[in-house]
Amino acid sequence: MEIGDYQRRAQASDRQAQGEHALIVPLLGLAGETGTLLSSYKKWLRDGDAHRLFREKTVEDLGDILWYLANVAEKLGVSLEDVAAANLIKTRNRFGPIPKTRKPISFDEGYPEEERLPGRLTVTFRDEEGERPVLRVIRDGVQVGDILTDNAYEADGYRFHDAFHFAYAALLGWSPVTRRMLGRKRRSNPTVDVVEDGGRARVFEESISALAFERARHHDFYRNVEEVDYDLLTTIRGLIAGQEVRERTAADWQRAILEGFRVWRVLNAQRGGTVIFDRIEETITLVSAPVPLH
């Protein structure tokens, strides 16, 4: 039976099709039947094979849950077929594996070489002690970007956050902040230069970096963590809905965030280091830790 056909046929047994309680009844029923299923499972955990009706009861409970679910969807004017299709897309984008043979997404096709994000970026994060720690990011012996501090009352290592921007560049093929630091804005296309590489896009990226950092500080900066909060990923995708990077999935963003924090944790602990951000291979490699300048 098709799920859409079930949704239509299930309405024939609806006794609350109209009235002020038309929706609340199936919503309460959905919650109640879920509780019944949990109760059955509890009994199975307690009794094991002695609970001989567990499978039959589970089929019945799941059927009741499905009926209430179909009823709620019908009353809200939603197709279960659309719900199922949207959910598969969401779960694939969230949890689906990233194909190892996938060609890296590039937003630089057709642009001059000097306007493209570098395929391989090697930078050194150099910490300098003082009244407040100061960080410089060095590439080929030249400082890129601004001198950074934590901009906080207490040192928390946020001065190393350019690691996040470089991670986005390497693993997502997107980073307006990195483009600005390296002088790789796509000026040959004035619209792209303003919309994708301009100030507003950089604000989006800096907001993502700061928001992820605040979430991470409550989770040991994602140490031994394989997933980030889905609501964080949803917020990020809302911020970049109008940007070219919207092509990247939630799983892509999750990997970029976790890899960025993996490198950040080492840089913060070692007070700096040299890192290779490879956009072609979509990898980040910590090469060495420099001696901090005093």
C-alpha atoms as a PDB file:
ATOM      1  CA  MET A   1       0.000   0.000   0.000  1.00  0.00           C
ATOM      2  CA  GLU A   2       1.237   3.485  -0.880  1.00  0.00           C
ATOM      3  CA  ILE A   3       1.563   5.908   2.048  1.00  0.00           C
ATOM      4  CA  GLY A   4      -0.624   8.457   0.287  1.00  0.00           C
ATOM      5  CA  ASP A   5      -3.372   5.891  -0.232  1.00  0.00           C
ATOM      6  CA  TYR A   6      -3.184   4.968   3.458  1.00  0.00           C
ATOM      7  CA  GLN A   7      -3.495   8.623   4.473  1.00  0.00           C
ATOM      8  CA  ARG A   8      -6.663   9.020   2.406  1.00  0.00           C
ATOM      9  CA  ARG A   9      -8.272   5.756   3.520  1.00  0.00           C
ATOM     10  CA  ALA A  10      -7.461   6.329   7.201  1.00  0.00           C
ATOM     11  CA  GLN A  11      -9.733   9.371   7.288  1.00  0.00           C
ATOM     12  CA  ALA A  12     -12.834   7.178   6.917  1.00  0.00           C
ATOM     13  CA  SER A  13     -12.502   6.175  10.583  1.00  0.00           C
ATOM     14  CA  ASP A  14     -11.944   9.707  11.879  1.00  0.00           C
ATOM     15  CA  ARG A  15     -14.559  10.636  14.497  1.00  0.00           C
ATOM     16  CA  GLN A  16     -13.163  14.125  15.105  1.00  0.00           C
ATOM     17  CA  ALA A  17     -13.095  15.402  11.524  1.00  0.00           C
ATOM     18  CA  GLN A  18     -14.549  18.772  12.487  1.00  0.00           C
ATOM     19  CA  GLY A  19     -14.847  20.987  15.536  1.00  0.00           C
ATOM     20  CA  GLU A  20     -12.532  22.706  17.958  1.00  0.00           C
ATOM     21  CA  HIS A  21     -10.980  19.415  19.103  1.00  0.00           C
ATOM     22  CA  ALA A  22     -10.368  18.103  15.579  1.00  0.00           C
ATOM     23  CA  LEU A  23      -6.600  18.542  15.802  1.00  0.00           C
ATOM     24  CA  ILE A  24      -5.885  18.231  19.511  1.00  0.00           C
ATOM     25  CA  VAL A  25      -7.410  14.752  19.704  1.00  0.00           C
ATOM     26  CA  PRO A  26      -5.025  13.136  17.175  1.00  0.00           C
ATOM     27  CA  LEU A  27      -2.075  15.073  18.622  1.00  0.00           C
ATOM     28  CA  LEU A  28      -2.828  13.710  22.087  1.00  0.00           C
ATOM     29  CA  GLY A  29      -3.436  10.297  20.564  1.00  0.00           C
ATOM     30  CA  LEU A  30      -0.034  10.402  18.879  1.00  0.00           C
ATOM     31  CA  ALA A  31       1.646  11.161  22.204  1.00  0.00           C
ATOM     32  CA  GLY A  32      -0.400   8.526  24.031  1.00  0.00           C
ATOM     33  CA  GLU A  33       0.313   5.726  21.567  1.00  0.00           C
ATOM     34  CA  THR A  34       4.013   6.557  21.665  1.00  0.00           C
ATOM     35  CA  GLY A  35       3.831   6.099  25.436  1.00  0.00           C
ATOM     36  CA  THR A  36       2.063   2.770  24.947  1.00  0.00           C
ATOM     37  CA  LEU A  37       4.857   1.589  22.664  1.00  0.00           C
ATOM     38  CA  LEU A  38       7.445   2.592  25.257  1.00  0.00           C
ATOM     39  CA  SER A  39       5.503   0.699  27.925  1.00  0.00           C
ATOM     40  CA  SER A  40       5.491  -2.437  25.764  1.00  0.00           C
ATOM     41  CA  TYR A  41       9.206  -2.122  25.243  1.00  0.00           C
ATOM     42  CA  LYS A  42       9.746  -1.738  28.989  1.00  0.00           C
ATOM     43  CA  LYS A  43       7.866  -4.998  29.572  1.00  0.00           C
ATOM     44  CA  TRP A  44       9.964  -6.730  26.924  1.00  0.00           C
ATOM     45  CA  LEU A  45      13.158  -5.533  28.622  1.00  0.00           C
ATOM     46  CA  ARG A  46      11.838  -6.917  31.912  1.00  0.00           C
ATOM     47  CA  ASP A  47      10.370 -10.207  30.700  1.00  0.00           C
ATOM     48  CA  GLY A  48      12.414 -10.966  27.564  1.00  0.00           C
ATOM     49  CA  ASP A  49      11.092 -13.920  25.561  1.00  0.00           C
ATOM     50  CA  ALA A  50       8.364 -14.442  28.137  1.00  0.00           C
ATOM     51  CA  HIS A  51       6.672 -11.382  26.665  1.00  0.00           C
ATOM     52  CA  ARG A  52       5.393 -13.429  23.741  1.00  0.00           C
ATOM     53  CA  LEU A  53       3.006 -10.804  22.403  1.00  0.00           C
ATOM     54  CA  PHE A  54       5.646  -8.106  22.086  1.00  0.00           C
ATOM     55  CA  ARG A  55       5.916  -8.242  18.310  1.00  0.00           C
ATOM     56  CA  GLU A  56       2.145  -8.349  17.787  1.00  0.00           C
ATOM     57  CA  LYS A  57       1.662  -5.508  20.256  1.00  0.00           C
ATOM     58  CA  THR A  58       4.403  -3.498  18.547  1.00  0.00           C
ATOM     59  CA  VAL A  59       2.707  -3.868  15.170  1.00  0.00           C
ATOM     60  CA  GLU A  60      -0.562  -2.678  16.706  1.00  0.00           C
ATOM     61  CA  ASP A  61       1.064   0.272  18.494  1.00  0.00           C
ATOM     62  CA  LEU A  62       2.951   1.376  15.400  1.00  0.00           C
ATOM     63  CA  GLY A  63      -0.265   1.108  13.395  1.00  0.00           C
ATOM     64  CA  ASP A  64      -2.061   3.382  15.870  1.00  0.00           C
ATOM     65  CA  ILE A  65       0.836   5.861  15.737  1.00  0.00           C
ATOM     66  CA  LEU A  66       0.673   5.811  11.944  1.00  0.00           C
ATOM     67  CA  TRP A  67      -3.081   6.453  11.986  1.00  0.00           C
ATOM     68  CA  TYR A  68      -2.754   9.462  14.271  1.00  0.00           C
ATOM     69  CA  LEU A  69       0.195  10.731  12.241  1.00  0.00           C
ATOM     70  CA  ALA A  70      -1.814  10.479   9.020  1.00  0.00           C
ATOM     71  CA  ASN A  71      -4.762  12.185  10.702  1.00  0.00           C
ATOM     72  CA  VAL A  72      -2.644  15.095  11.926  1.00  0.00           C
ATOM     73  CA  ALA A  73      -1.095  15.479   8.485  1.00  0.00           C
ATOM     74  CA  GLU A  74      -4.506  15.442   6.813  1.00  0.00           C
ATOM     75  CA  LYS A  75      -5.897  18.106   9.131  1.00  0.00           C
ATOM     76  CA  LEU A  76      -2.878  20.309   8.534  1.00  0.00           C
ATOM     77  CA  GLY A  77      -3.137  19.852   4.785  1.00  0.00           C
ATOM     78  CA  VAL A  78       0.170  18.034   4.530  1.00  0.00           C
ATOM     79  CA  SER A  79       0.881  15.012   2.348  1.00  0.00           C
ATOM     80  CA  LEU A  80       2.652  12.123   4.080  1.00  0.00           C
ATOM     81  CA  GLU A  81       4.336  11.412   0.757  1.00  0.00           C
ATOM     82  CA  ASP A  82       5.856  14.909   0.831  1.00  0.00           C
ATOM     83  CA  VAL A  83       6.767  14.464   4.505  1.00  0.00           C
ATOM     84  CA  ALA A  84       8.547  11.188   3.775  1.00  0.00           C
ATOM     85  CA  ALA A  85      10.404  12.571   0.753  1.00  0.00           C
ATOM     86  CA  ALA A  86      11.528  15.708   2.623  1.00  0.00           C
ATOM     87  CA  ASN A  87      12.676  13.628   5.589  1.00  0.00           C
ATOM     88  CA  LEU A  88      14.806  11.364   3.394  1.00  0.00           C
ATOM     89  CA  ILE A  89      16.497  14.404   1.877  1.00  0.00           C
ATOM     90  CA  LYS A  90      17.095  15.885   5.340  1.00  0.00           C
ATOM     91  CA  THR A  91      18.552  12.702   6.807  1.00  0.00           C
ATOM     92  CA  ARG A  92      20.716  12.071   3.743  1.00  0.00           C
ATOM     93  CA  ASN A  93      22.108  15.612   3.884  1.00  0.00           C
ATOM     94  CA  ARG A  94      22.590  15.370   7.645  1.00  0.00           C
ATOM     95  CA  PHE A  95      23.939  11.863   8.106  1.00  0.00           C
ATOM     96  CA  GLY A  96      24.682  10.570   4.614  1.00  0.00           C
ATOM     97  CA  PRO A  97      28.307   9.701   3.856  1.00  0.00           C
ATOM     98  CA  ILE A  98      30.333  12.155   1.778  1.00  0.00           C
ATOM     99  CA  PRO A  99      31.466  10.206  -1.320  1.00  0.00           C
ATOM    100  CA  LYS A 100      35.236   9.901  -1.359  1.00  0.00           C
ATOM    101  CA  THR A 101      35.219  10.189  -5.143  1.00  0.00           C
ATOM    102  CA  ARG A 102      33.156  13.369  -5.163  1.00  0.00           C
ATOM    103  CA  LYS A 103      34.705  16.219  -7.101  1.00  0.00           C
ATOM    104  CA  PRO A 104      35.236  19.178  -4.767  1.00  0.00           C
ATOM    105  CA  ILE A 105      32.616  21.852  -5.265  1.00  0.00           C
ATOM    106  CA  SER A 106      34.249  24.953  -6.694  1.00  0.00           C
ATOM    107  CA  PHE A 107      32.677  28.365  -6.920  1.00  0.00           C
ATOM    108  CA  ASP A 108      35.653  29.701  -8.882  1.00  0.00           C
ATOM    109  CA  GLU A 109      35.097  28.148 -12.305  1.00  0.00           C
ATOM    110  CA  GLY A 110      35.641  30.688 -15.066  1.00  0.00           C
ATOM    111  CA  TYR A 111      37.492  33.198 -12.878  1.00  0.00           C
ATOM    112  CA  PRO A 112      41.139  34.247 -13.324  1.00  0.00           C
ATOM    113  CA  GLU A 113      43.639  32.288 -11.244  1.00  0.00           C
ATOM    114  CA  GLU A 114      44.413  35.293  -9.049  1.00  0.00           C
ATOM    115  CA  GLU A 115      40.741  35.502  -8.035  1.00  0.00           C
ATOM    116  CA  ARG A 116      40.412  31.853  -7.037  1.00  0.00           C
ATOM    117  CA  LEU A 117      40.813  30.358  -3.584  1.00  0.00           C
ATOM    118  CA  PRO A 118      44.189  28.562  -3.532  1.00  0.00           C
ATOM    119  CA  GLY A 119      44.084  24.811  -3.972  1.00  0.00           C
ATOM    120  CA  ARG A 120      46.676  24.395  -1.230  1.00  0.00           C
ATOM    121  CA  LEU A 121      47.158  26.975   1.513  1.00  0.00           C
ATOM    122  CA  THR A 122      49.992  26.736   4.055  1.00  0.00           C
ATOM    123  CA  VAL A 123      49.821  29.226   6.921  1.00  0.00           C
ATOM    124  CA  THR A 124      51.557  29.664  10.257  1.00  0.00           C
ATOM    125  CA  PHE A 125      49.690  30.858  13.331  1.00  0.00           C
ATOM    126  CA  ARG A 126      52.247  32.766  15.402  1.00  0.00           C
ATOM    127  CA  ASP A 127      51.380  33.719  18.966  1.00  0.00           C
ATOM    128  CA  GLU A 128      53.068  36.662  20.659  1.00  0.00           C
ATOM    129  CA  GLU A 129      52.988  37.166  24.412  1.00  0.00           C
ATOM    130  CA  GLY A 130      52.207  40.492  26.019  1.00  0.00           C
ATOM    131  CA  GLU A 131      49.648  42.072  28.279  1.00  0.00           C
ATOM    132  CA  ARG A 132      47.176  40.365  25.985  1.00  0.00           C
ATOM    133  CA  PRO A 133      48.208  37.510  23.676  1.00  0.00           C
ATOM    134  CA  VAL A 134      48.420  38.625  20.046  1.00  0.00           C
ATOM    135  CA  LEU A 135      48.228  36.366  17.012  1.00  0.00           C
ATOM    136  CA  ARG A 136      49.627  36.850  13.526  1.00  0.00           C
ATOM    137  CA  VAL A 137      48.820  34.614  10.571  1.00  0.00           C
ATOM    138  CA  ILE A 138      51.800  34.260   8.239  1.00  0.00           C
ATOM    139  CA  ARG A 139      51.845  32.991   4.664  1.00  0.00           C
ATOM    140  CA  ASP A 140      55.106  32.835   2.700  1.00  0.00           C
ATOM    141  CA  GLY A 141      56.719  35.089   5.288  1.00  0.00           C
ATOM    142  CA  VAL A 142      54.033  37.754   4.944  1.00  0.00           C
ATOM    143  CA  GLN A 143      51.264  38.525   7.428  1.00  0.00           C
ATOM    144  CA  VAL A 144      47.755  38.008   6.068  1.00  0.00           C
ATOM    145  CA  GLY A 145      44.698  39.517   7.679  1.00  0.00           C
ATOM    146  CA  ASP A 146      44.671  41.571  10.854  1.00  0.00           C
ATOM    147  CA  ILE A 147      46.550  41.091  14.101  1.00  0.00           C
ATOM    148  CA  LEU A 148      44.113  39.209  16.313  1.00  0.00           C
ATOM    149  CA  THR A 149      43.368  39.066  20.032  1.00  0.00           C
ATOM    150  CA  ASP A 150      40.681  37.084  21.810  1.00  0.00           C
ATOM    151  CA  ASN A 151      38.523  40.211  22.210  1.00  0.00           C
ATOM    152  CA  ALA A 152      37.363  38.818  25.542  1.00  0.00           C
ATOM    153  CA  TYR A 153      37.885  39.611  29.233  1.00  0.00           C
ATOM    154  CA  GLU A 154      39.640  36.284  29.685  1.00  0.00           C
ATOM    155  CA  ALA A 155      41.831  34.568  27.100  1.00  0.00           C
ATOM    156  CA  ASP A 156      39.797  31.817  25.450  1.00  0.00           C
ATOM    157  CA  GLY A 157      41.768  31.154  22.278  1.00  0.00           C
ATOM    158  CA  TYR A 158      39.342  32.827  19.898  1.00  0.00           C
ATOM    159  CA  ARG A 159      42.313  34.633  18.322  1.00  0.00           C
ATOM    160  CA  PHE A 160      43.012  31.342  16.500  1.00  0.00           C
ATOM    161  CA  HIS A 161      39.571  31.398  14.865  1.00  0.00           C
ATOM    162  CA  ASP A 162      40.974  32.074  11.379  1.00  0.00           C
ATOM    163  CA  ALA A 163      41.467  28.302  11.411  1.00  0.00           C
ATOM    164  CA  PHE A 164      37.691  28.075  11.003  1.00  0.00           C
ATOM    165  CA  HIS A 165      37.686  30.376   7.972  1.00  0.00           C
ATOM    166  CA  PHE A 166      40.481  28.437   6.304  1.00  0.00           C
ATOM    167  CA  ALA A 167      38.622  25.208   7.095  1.00  0.00           C
ATOM    168  CA  TYR A 168      35.502  26.546   5.372  1.00  0.00           C
ATOM    169  CA  ALA A 169      37.642  27.456   2.362  1.00  0.00           C
ATOM    170  CA  ALA A 170      39.246  24.020   2.220  1.00  0.00           C
ATOM    171  CA  LEU A 171      36.239  21.825   2.958  1.00  0.00           C
ATOM    172  CA  LEU A 172      33.367  23.917   1.604  1.00  0.00           C
ATOM    173  CA  GLY A 173      35.124  25.845  -1.153  1.00  0.00           C
ATOM    174  CA  TRP A 174      33.671  28.999   0.426  1.00  0.00           C
ATOM    175  CA  SER A 175      35.041  31.731   2.653  1.00  0.00           C
ATOM    176  CA  PRO A 176      34.533  35.434   1.910  1.00  0.00           C
ATOM    177  CA  VAL A 177      36.808  36.181   4.891  1.00  0.00           C
ATOM    178  CA  THR A 178      39.649  34.097   3.425  1.00  0.00           C
ATOM    179  CA  ARG A 179      39.171  35.759   0.044  1.00  0.00           C
ATOM    180  CA  ARG A 180      39.567  39.168   1.645  1.00  0.00           C
ATOM    181  CA  MET A 181      42.648  38.129   3.645  1.00  0.00           C
ATOM    182  CA  LEU A 182      44.355  36.660   0.578  1.00  0.00           C
ATOM    183  CA  GLY A 183      43.186  39.287  -1.910  1.00  0.00           C
ATOM    184  CA  ARG A 184      41.186  36.694  -3.868  1.00  0.00           C
ATOM    185  CA  LYS A 185      37.888  38.539  -4.285  1.00  0.00           C
ATOM    186  CA  ARG A 186      36.229  37.919  -7.647  1.00  0.00           C
ATOM    187  CA  ARG A 187      36.367  41.519  -8.828  1.00  0.00           C
ATOM    188  CA  SER A 188      36.004  40.572 -12.485  1.00  0.00           C
ATOM    189  CA  ASN A 189      32.305  40.019 -11.739  1.00  0.00           C
ATOM    190  CA  PRO A 190      31.075  43.137  -9.879  1.00  0.00           C
ATOM    191  CA  THR A 191      27.859  41.457  -8.717  1.00  0.00           C
ATOM    192  CA  VAL A 192      29.632  38.396  -7.295  1.00  0.00           C
ATOM    193  CA  ASP A 193      32.273  40.664  -5.775  1.00  0.00           C
ATOM    194  CA  VAL A 194      29.594  42.522  -3.820  1.00  0.00           C
ATOM    195  CA  VAL A 195      27.087  39.746  -3.059  1.00  0.00           C
ATOM    196  CA  GLU A 196      29.312  36.710  -2.482  1.00  0.00           C
ATOM    197  CA  ASP A 197      32.638  38.267  -1.491  1.00  0.00           C
ATOM    198  CA  GLY A 198      31.518  41.553   0.075  1.00  0.00           C
ATOM    199  CA  GLY A 199      30.929  42.813   3.589  1.00  0.00           C
ATOM    200  CA  ARG A 200      27.531  41.204   4.135  1.00  0.00           C
ATOM    201  CA  ALA A 201      28.825  37.745   3.209  1.00  0.00           C
ATOM    202  CA  ARG A 202      31.789  38.225   5.558  1.00  0.00           C
ATOM    203  CA  VAL A 203      29.402  39.154   8.361  1.00  0.00           C
ATOM    204  CA  PHE A 204      27.514  35.914   7.733  1.00  0.00           C
ATOM    205  CA  GLU A 205      30.740  33.925   7.973  1.00  0.00           C
ATOM    206  CA  GLU A 206      31.999  35.713  11.078  1.00  0.00           C
ATOM    207  CA  SER A 207      28.586  35.132  12.692  1.00  0.00           C
ATOM    208  CA  ILE A 208      28.802  31.420  11.909  1.00  0.00           C
ATOM    209  CA  SER A 209      32.310  31.251  13.377  1.00  0.00           C
ATOM    210  CA  ALA A 210      31.285  33.071  16.582  1.00  0.00           C
ATOM    211  CA  LEU A 211      28.065  31.093  16.985  1.00  0.00           C
ATOM    212  CA  ALA A 212      29.826  27.750  16.516  1.00  0.00           C
ATOM    213  CA  PHE A 213      32.481  28.806  19.041  1.00  0.00           C
ATOM    214  CA  GLU A 214      29.878  29.671  21.676  1.00  0.00           C
ATOM    215  CA  ARG A 215      28.130  26.327  21.155  1.00  0.00           C
ATOM    216  CA  ALA A 216      31.439  24.469  21.222  1.00  0.00           C
ATOM    217  CA  ARG A 217      32.599  25.926  24.544  1.00  0.00           C
ATOM    218  CA  HIS A 218      29.718  24.060  26.216  1.00  0.00           C
ATOM    219  CA  HIS A 219      30.815  20.764  24.608  1.00  0.00           C
ATOM    220  CA  ASP A 220      34.548  20.754  25.410  1.00  0.00           C
ATOM    221  CA  PHE A 221      35.116  22.447  22.057  1.00  0.00           C
ATOM    222  CA  TYR A 222      33.826  19.347  20.251  1.00  0.00           C
ATOM    223  CA  ARG A 223      36.552  17.075  21.589  1.00  0.00           C
ATOM    224  CA  ASN A 224      35.601  13.414  20.966  1.00  0.00           C
ATOM    225  CA  VAL A 225      32.394  14.613  19.316  1.00  0.00           C
ATOM    226  CA  GLU A 226      31.195  13.233  15.986  1.00  0.00           C
ATOM    227  CA  GLU A 227      28.095  15.375  15.524  1.00  0.00           C
ATOM    228  CA  VAL A 228      27.173  18.992  16.180  1.00  0.00           C
ATOM    229  CA  ASP A 229      23.757  20.254  17.234  1.00  0.00           C
ATOM    230  CA  TYR A 230      21.326  20.057  14.351  1.00  0.00           C
ATOM    231  CA  ASP A 231      19.760  23.359  15.340  1.00  0.00           C
ATOM    232  CA  LEU A 232      23.184  24.976  14.823  1.00  0.00           C
ATOM    233  CA  LEU A 233      23.362  23.523  11.327  1.00  0.00           C
ATOM    234  CA  THR A 234      19.812  24.698  10.649  1.00  0.00           C
ATOM    235  CA  THR A 235      20.693  28.219  11.786  1.00  0.00           C
ATOM    236  CA  ILE A 236      23.781  28.236   9.577  1.00  0.00           C
ATOM    237  CA  ARG A 237      21.855  27.089   6.537  1.00  0.00           C
ATOM    238  CA  GLY A 238      19.320  29.821   7.213  1.00  0.00           C
ATOM    239  CA  LEU A 239      22.067  32.444   7.274  1.00  0.00           C
ATOM    240  CA  ILE A 240      23.595  31.338   3.961  1.00  0.00           C
ATOM    241  CA  ALA A 241      20.336  30.542   2.155  1.00  0.00           C
ATOM    242  CA  GLY A 242      21.007  33.317  -0.335  1.00  0.00           C
ATOM    243  CA  GLN A 243      24.699  32.526  -0.857  1.00  0.00           C
ATOM    244  CA  GLU A 244      26.411  30.171  -3.289  1.00  0.00           C
ATOM    245  CA  VAL A 245      27.493  27.871  -0.438  1.00  0.00           C
ATOM    246  CA  ARG A 246      23.858  26.798   0.041  1.00  0.00           C
ATOM    247  CA  GLU A 247      24.808  23.886  -2.251  1.00  0.00           C
ATOM    248  CA  ARG A 248      26.757  22.374   0.608  1.00  0.00           C
ATOM    249  CA  THR A 249      24.849  19.925   2.793  1.00  0.00           C
ATOM    250  CA  ALA A 250      24.444  19.847   6.559  1.00  0.00           C
ATOM    251  CA  ALA A 251      26.930  16.951   6.604  1.00  0.00           C
ATOM    252  CA  ASP A 252      29.456  19.119   4.728  1.00  0.00           C
ATOM    253  CA  TRP A 253      29.040  21.913   7.269  1.00  0.00           C
ATOM    254  CA  GLN A 254      29.321  19.491  10.164  1.00  0.00           C
ATOM    255  CA  ARG A 255      32.605  18.140   8.846  1.00  0.00           C
ATOM    256  CA  ALA A 256      33.986  21.639   8.239  1.00  0.00           C
ATOM    257  CA  ILE A 257      33.080  22.719  11.772  1.00  0.00           C
ATOM    258  CA  LEU A 258      34.489  19.622  13.470  1.00  0.00           C
ATOM    259  CA  GLU A 259      37.703  19.690  11.418  1.00  0.00           C
ATOM    260  CA  GLY A 260      38.128  23.395  12.103  1.00  0.00           C
ATOM    261  CA  PHE A 261      37.836  22.776  15.836  1.00  0.00           C
ATOM    262  CA  ARG A 262      40.186  19.791  15.652  1.00  0.00           C
ATOM    263  CA  VAL A 263      42.909  22.083  14.330  1.00  0.00           C
ATOM    264  CA  TRP A 264      41.893  24.972  16.591  1.00  0.00           C
ATOM    265  CA  ARG A 265      42.288  22.816  19.719  1.00  0.00           C
ATOM    266  CA  VAL A 266      45.868  21.955  18.776  1.00  0.00           C
ATOM    267  CA  LEU A 267      46.753  25.524  17.819  1.00  0.00           C
ATOM    268  CA  ASN A 268      45.324  26.839  21.071  1.00  0.00           C
ATOM    269  CA  ALA A 269      47.096  24.192  23.177  1.00  0.00           C
ATOM    270  CA  GLN A 270      50.450  24.644  21.413  1.00  0.00           C
ATOM    271  CA  ARG A 271      50.178  28.413  21.109  1.00  0.00           C
ATOM    272  CA  GLY A 272      50.376  28.263  17.325  1.00  0.00           C
ATOM    273  CA  GLY A 273      51.453  26.022  14.506  1.00  0.00           C
ATOM    274  CA  THR A 274      51.752  25.572  10.757  1.00  0.00           C
ATOM    275  CA  VAL A 275      48.761  24.110   8.963  1.00  0.00           C
ATOM    276  CA  ILE A 276      48.094  22.994   5.386  1.00  0.00           C
ATOM    277  CA  PHE A 277      44.542  23.564   4.162  1.00  0.00           C
ATOM    278  CA  ASP A 278      44.065  21.556   0.958  1.00  0.00           C
ATOM    279  CA  ARG A 279      40.946  22.468  -0.995  1.00  0.00           C
ATOM    280  CA  ILE A 280      41.526  19.949  -3.781  1.00  0.00           C
ATOM    281  CA  GLU A 281      41.836  16.980  -1.412  1.00  0.00           C
ATOM    282  CA  GLU A 282      39.481  18.602   1.130  1.00  0.00           C
ATOM    283  CA  THR A 283      41.896  17.907   3.984  1.00  0.00           C
ATOM    284  CA  ILE A 284      43.524  19.859   6.817  1.00  0.00           C
ATOM    285  CA  THR A 285      46.958  18.834   8.081  1.00  0.00           C
ATOM    286  CA  LEU A 286      48.835  20.212  11.095  1.00  0.00           C
ATOM    287  CA  VAL A 287      52.516  20.312  10.145  1.00  0.00           C
ATOM    288  CA  SER A 288      54.326  21.752  13.154  1.00  0.00           C
ATOM    289  CA  ALA A 289      54.143  23.957  16.214  1.00  0.00           C
ATOM    290  CA  PRO A 290      56.305  27.082  16.230  1.00  0.00           C
ATOM    291  CA  VAL A 291      58.082  28.519  19.242  1.00  0.00           C
ATOM    292  CA  PRO A 292      55.991  31.474  20.453  1.00  0.00           C
ATOM    293  CA  LEU A 293      57.610  34.896  20.147  1.00  0.00           C
ATOM    294  CA  HIS A 294      58.195  36.760  23.451  1.00  0.00           C
END
